[in-house]
């Protein structure tokens, strides 16, 4: 009896994280700056930090692509 309760306890502990996965999050858009061409693009993923020429032009996370495209036109690093 103790053995079966112990096994059940382990199954509950190990199975718990699988149940706690959240639903799909809201979309996020970023303005990325290519430092070689000085052009900004809108991306739907955070640019990787190990890419030497691609950086985030703004720390703001935009909810729609249209918002990000409008911001890319007004950001200072994108207009140089």
C-alpha atoms as a PDB file:
ATOM      1  CA  UNK A   1       0.000   0.000   0.000  1.00  0.00           C
ATOM      2  CA  UNK A   2       2.786   2.406   0.908  1.00  0.00           C
ATOM      3  CA  UNK A   3       4.627   1.498  -2.256  1.00  0.00           C
ATOM      4  CA  UNK A   4       1.650   2.272  -4.477  1.00  0.00           C
ATOM      5  CA  UNK A   5       1.053   5.611  -2.725  1.00  0.00           C
ATOM      6  CA  UNK A   6       4.720   6.482  -3.156  1.00  0.00           C
ATOM      7  CA  UNK A   7       4.588   5.620  -6.864  1.00  0.00           C
ATOM      8  CA  UNK A   8       1.408   7.657  -7.265  1.00  0.00           C
ATOM      9  CA  UNK A   9       3.095  10.608  -5.552  1.00  0.00           C
ATOM     10  CA  UNK A  10       6.046  10.449  -7.943  1.00  0.00           C
ATOM     11  CA  UNK A  11       3.724  10.325 -10.935  1.00  0.00           C
ATOM     12  CA  UNK A  12       1.842  13.386  -9.713  1.00  0.00           C
ATOM     13  CA  UNK A  13       5.090  15.283  -9.125  1.00  0.00           C
ATOM     14  CA  UNK A  14       6.574  14.346 -12.500  1.00  0.00           C
ATOM     15  CA  UNK A  15       3.349  14.908 -14.428  1.00  0.00           C
ATOM     16  CA  UNK A  16       2.560  18.307 -12.916  1.00  0.00           C
ATOM     17  CA  UNK A  17       4.822  20.463 -15.112  1.00  0.00           C
ATOM     18  CA  UNK A  18       3.220  19.088 -18.265  1.00  0.00           C
ATOM     19  CA  UNK A  19      -0.166  20.321 -17.132  1.00  0.00           C
ATOM     20  CA  UNK A  20       1.068  23.821 -16.363  1.00  0.00           C
ATOM     21  CA  UNK A  21       1.916  24.807 -19.927  1.00  0.00           C
ATOM     22  CA  UNK A  22       0.317  28.099 -20.740  1.00  0.00           C
ATOM     23  CA  UNK A  23      -1.750  28.880 -23.782  1.00  0.00           C
ATOM     24  CA  UNK A  24      -0.181  30.583 -26.766  1.00  0.00           C
ATOM     25  CA  UNK A  25       0.878  34.064 -25.805  1.00  0.00           C
ATOM     26  CA  UNK A  26      -0.077  37.176 -27.676  1.00  0.00           C
ATOM     27  CA  UNK A  27       2.082  37.983 -30.681  1.00  0.00           C
ATOM     28  CA  UNK A  28       5.072  40.236 -30.156  1.00  0.00           C
ATOM     29  CA  UNK A  29       6.867  42.249 -32.810  1.00  0.00           C
ATOM     30  CA  UNK A  30      10.260  43.921 -32.582  1.00  0.00           C
ATOM     31  CA  UNK A  31      12.093  46.479 -34.696  1.00  0.00           C
ATOM     32  CA  UNK A  32      15.501  45.073 -35.623  1.00  0.00           C
ATOM     33  CA  UNK A  33      18.348  47.216 -36.949  1.00  0.00           C
ATOM     34  CA  UNK A  34      20.943  45.865 -39.365  1.00  0.00           C
ATOM     35  CA  UNK A  35      24.021  47.883 -38.447  1.00  0.00           C
ATOM     36  CA  UNK A  36      25.721  47.266 -41.811  1.00  0.00           C
ATOM     37  CA  UNK A  37      22.919  48.561 -44.023  1.00  0.00           C
ATOM     38  CA  UNK A  38      21.309  50.867 -41.399  1.00  0.00           C
ATOM     39  CA  UNK A  39      17.878  49.484 -42.324  1.00  0.00           C
ATOM     40  CA  UNK A  40      15.209  48.475 -39.876  1.00  0.00           C
ATOM     41  CA  UNK A  41      12.905  45.528 -40.292  1.00  0.00           C
ATOM     42  CA  UNK A  42       9.982  44.242 -38.262  1.00  0.00           C
ATOM     43  CA  UNK A  43      10.489  40.745 -36.890  1.00  0.00           C
ATOM     44  CA  UNK A  44       8.221  38.499 -34.856  1.00  0.00           C
ATOM     45  CA  UNK A  45      11.027  37.008 -32.749  1.00  0.00           C
ATOM     46  CA  UNK A  46      13.546  38.679 -30.484  1.00  0.00           C
ATOM     47  CA  UNK A  47      16.832  38.988 -32.422  1.00  0.00           C
ATOM     48  CA  UNK A  48      19.537  36.694 -31.125  1.00  0.00           C
ATOM     49  CA  UNK A  49      22.286  38.291 -29.091  1.00  0.00           C
ATOM     50  CA  UNK A  50      25.086  36.373 -30.789  1.00  0.00           C
ATOM     51  CA  UNK A  51      24.357  37.948 -34.188  1.00  0.00           C
ATOM     52  CA  UNK A  52      26.931  40.745 -34.569  1.00  0.00           C
ATOM     53  CA  UNK A  53      25.171  42.943 -37.133  1.00  0.00           C
ATOM     54  CA  UNK A  54      21.536  42.665 -36.009  1.00  0.00           C
ATOM     55  CA  UNK A  55      20.391  44.559 -32.912  1.00  0.00           C
ATOM     56  CA  UNK A  56      17.097  45.659 -31.436  1.00  0.00           C
ATOM     57  CA  UNK A  57      16.414  49.251 -32.472  1.00  0.00           C
ATOM     58  CA  UNK A  58      13.927  49.834 -29.651  1.00  0.00           C
ATOM     59  CA  UNK A  59      13.226  48.058 -26.375  1.00  0.00           C
ATOM     60  CA  UNK A  60       9.489  48.344 -26.991  1.00  0.00           C
ATOM     61  CA  UNK A  61       7.468  45.215 -27.728  1.00  0.00           C
ATOM     62  CA  UNK A  62       4.676  45.919 -30.206  1.00  0.00           C
ATOM     63  CA  UNK A  63       1.414  43.995 -30.258  1.00  0.00           C
ATOM     64  CA  UNK A  64       0.746  44.350 -33.984  1.00  0.00           C
ATOM     65  CA  UNK A  65       2.943  44.450 -37.050  1.00  0.00           C
ATOM     66  CA  UNK A  66       1.362  47.744 -38.095  1.00  0.00           C
ATOM     67  CA  UNK A  67       2.412  49.399 -34.824  1.00  0.00           C
ATOM     68  CA  UNK A  68       5.968  48.146 -35.266  1.00  0.00           C
ATOM     69  CA  UNK A  69       6.154  49.343 -38.881  1.00  0.00           C
ATOM     70  CA  UNK A  70       4.914  52.797 -37.873  1.00  0.00           C
ATOM     71  CA  UNK A  71       7.483  52.949 -35.081  1.00  0.00           C
ATOM     72  CA  UNK A  72      10.273  51.851 -37.428  1.00  0.00           C
ATOM     73  CA  UNK A  73       9.602  54.925 -39.561  1.00  0.00           C
ATOM     74  CA  UNK A  74       9.954  57.240 -36.574  1.00  0.00           C
ATOM     75  CA  UNK A  75      12.889  55.681 -34.709  1.00  0.00           C
ATOM     76  CA  UNK A  76      16.139  57.640 -34.871  1.00  0.00           C
ATOM     77  CA  UNK A  77      18.513  54.703 -35.582  1.00  0.00           C
ATOM     78  CA  UNK A  78      16.373  53.673 -38.558  1.00  0.00           C
ATOM     79  CA  UNK A  79      16.434  57.104 -40.181  1.00  0.00           C
ATOM     80  CA  UNK A  80      20.189  57.720 -40.270  1.00  0.00           C
END
